[in-house]
Amino acid sequence: MRDYNRIGIIVGKKNRGAIKRNYERRIIREIFRNYKEIFKTKLDVLIIKNRDDRAGFQQKKEDLEKLFQNTQR
C-alpha cells in the first residue's frame, strides 16, 4: 500500500495546440499539489479535460477544489 496520492491528466487535442495543453496540465497539477492534503485516503485521481473552456486560473481552482472535496464524501 502506498502512502501518497497520484494524479493522471488527459487533455484533449481540441485544446488549441500543444502549448495550451501543457499549460492546462501544469495548472491542474499545481492545484492538485496544493490541495492533496485534503484527501483522507490515498487515491489515484484521473482528470480528463476534453474541451477548451477559456476559464481563468481562479475559476479552475474553485472547480477542482469543489471536485476534490466531493470525493471525500
C-alpha atoms as a PDB file:
ATOM      1  CA  MET A   1       0.000   0.000   0.000  1.00  0.00           C
ATOM      2  CA  ARG A   2       1.417   3.337  -0.958  1.00  0.00           C
ATOM      3  CA  ASP A   3       1.232   6.417   1.262  1.00  0.00           C
ATOM      4  CA  TYR A   4       0.761   9.116  -1.388  1.00  0.00           C
ATOM      5  CA  ASN A   5      -1.812  10.324  -3.936  1.00  0.00           C
ATOM      6  CA  ARG A   6      -1.339  10.064  -7.680  1.00  0.00           C
ATOM      7  CA  ILE A   7      -2.837  12.112 -10.497  1.00  0.00           C
ATOM      8  CA  GLY A   8      -3.314  11.392 -14.178  1.00  0.00           C
ATOM      9  CA  ILE A   9      -4.209  14.239 -16.515  1.00  0.00           C
ATOM     10  CA  ILE A  10      -5.591  13.838 -20.022  1.00  0.00           C
ATOM     11  CA  VAL A  11      -6.104  16.979 -22.088  1.00  0.00           C
ATOM     12  CA  GLY A  12      -7.822  16.502 -25.451  1.00  0.00           C
ATOM     13  CA  LYS A  13      -6.401  17.798 -28.716  1.00  0.00           C
ATOM     14  CA  LYS A  14      -9.314  20.227 -29.090  1.00  0.00           C
ATOM     15  CA  ASN A  15      -7.455  22.482 -26.641  1.00  0.00           C
ATOM     16  CA  ARG A  16      -5.717  24.711 -29.226  1.00  0.00           C
ATOM     17  CA  GLY A  17      -2.288  23.153 -29.641  1.00  0.00           C
ATOM     18  CA  ALA A  18       0.460  21.579 -27.564  1.00  0.00           C
ATOM     19  CA  ILE A  19       1.470  24.741 -25.702  1.00  0.00           C
ATOM     20  CA  LYS A  20      -2.079  25.281 -24.426  1.00  0.00           C
ATOM     21  CA  ARG A  21      -2.469  21.583 -23.492  1.00  0.00           C
ATOM     22  CA  ASN A  22       0.765  21.614 -21.499  1.00  0.00           C
ATOM     23  CA  TYR A  23      -0.305  24.840 -19.780  1.00  0.00           C
ATOM     24  CA  GLU A  24      -3.597  23.206 -18.773  1.00  0.00           C
ATOM     25  CA  ARG A  25      -1.715  20.194 -17.371  1.00  0.00           C
ATOM     26  CA  ARG A  26       0.602  22.454 -15.349  1.00  0.00           C
ATOM     27  CA  ILE A  27      -2.331  24.362 -13.872  1.00  0.00           C
ATOM     28  CA  ILE A  28      -4.186  21.174 -12.892  1.00  0.00           C
ATOM     29  CA  ARG A  29      -1.015  19.633 -11.432  1.00  0.00           C
ATOM     30  CA  GLU A  30      -0.306  22.755  -9.339  1.00  0.00           C
ATOM     31  CA  ILE A  31      -3.858  22.908  -7.975  1.00  0.00           C
ATOM     32  CA  PHE A  32      -3.701  19.202  -7.102  1.00  0.00           C
ATOM     33  CA  ARG A  33      -0.347  19.698  -5.373  1.00  0.00           C
ATOM     34  CA  ASN A  34      -1.758  22.489  -3.203  1.00  0.00           C
ATOM     35  CA  TYR A  35      -4.893  20.546  -2.210  1.00  0.00           C
ATOM     36  CA  LYS A  36      -3.670  16.967  -1.919  1.00  0.00           C
ATOM     37  CA  GLU A  37      -3.674  17.169   1.889  1.00  0.00           C
ATOM     38  CA  ILE A  38      -7.495  17.260   1.924  1.00  0.00           C
ATOM     39  CA  PHE A  39      -7.649  13.605   0.822  1.00  0.00           C
ATOM     40  CA  LYS A  40      -8.214  11.355   3.832  1.00  0.00           C
ATOM     41  CA  THR A  41      -7.420   8.211   1.872  1.00  0.00           C
ATOM     42  CA  LYS A  42      -4.733   7.757  -0.739  1.00  0.00           C
ATOM     43  CA  LEU A  43      -6.289   7.915  -4.187  1.00  0.00           C
ATOM     44  CA  ASP A  44      -5.487   7.674  -7.860  1.00  0.00           C
ATOM     45  CA  VAL A  45      -7.134  10.718  -9.469  1.00  0.00           C
ATOM     46  CA  LEU A  46      -7.753  10.876 -13.217  1.00  0.00           C
ATOM     47  CA  ILE A  47      -8.805  14.213 -14.721  1.00  0.00           C
ATOM     48  CA  ILE A  48      -9.975  14.284 -18.329  1.00  0.00           C
ATOM     49  CA  LYS A  49     -10.350  17.717 -19.921  1.00  0.00           C
ATOM     50  CA  ASN A  50     -11.934  17.485 -23.354  1.00  0.00           C
ATOM     51  CA  ARG A  51     -12.897  20.986 -24.367  1.00  0.00           C
ATOM     52  CA  ASP A  52     -11.288  24.389 -24.420  1.00  0.00           C
ATOM     53  CA  ASP A  53     -13.178  26.390 -21.780  1.00  0.00           C
ATOM     54  CA  ARG A  54     -11.093  29.602 -21.575  1.00  0.00           C
ATOM     55  CA  ALA A  55     -11.784  29.837 -17.838  1.00  0.00           C
ATOM     56  CA  GLY A  56      -9.217  31.650 -15.727  1.00  0.00           C
ATOM     57  CA  PHE A  57      -6.932  30.120 -13.133  1.00  0.00           C
ATOM     58  CA  GLN A  58      -9.161  31.142 -10.209  1.00  0.00           C
ATOM     59  CA  GLN A  59     -12.262  29.529 -11.756  1.00  0.00           C
ATOM     60  CA  LYS A  60     -10.366  26.307 -12.476  1.00  0.00           C
ATOM     61  CA  LYS A  61      -9.011  26.315  -8.928  1.00  0.00           C
ATOM     62  CA  GLU A  62     -12.508  26.674  -7.449  1.00  0.00           C
ATOM     63  CA  ASP A  63     -13.936  23.946  -9.714  1.00  0.00           C
ATOM     64  CA  LEU A  64     -11.190  21.449  -8.898  1.00  0.00           C
ATOM     65  CA  GLU A  65     -11.334  22.245  -5.175  1.00  0.00           C
ATOM     66  CA  LYS A  66     -15.074  21.535  -5.210  1.00  0.00           C
ATOM     67  CA  LEU A  67     -14.447  18.300  -7.124  1.00  0.00           C
ATOM     68  CA  PHE A  68     -11.738  17.180  -4.688  1.00  0.00           C
ATOM     69  CA  GLN A  69     -13.948  17.919  -1.675  1.00  0.00           C
ATOM     70  CA  ASN A  70     -16.801  15.886  -3.210  1.00  0.00           C
ATOM     71  CA  THR A  71     -14.539  12.844  -3.485  1.00  0.00           C
ATOM     72  CA  GLN A  72     -14.231  12.716   0.297  1.00  0.00           C
ATOM     73  CA  ARG A  73     -17.932  12.021   0.880  1.00  0.00           C
END
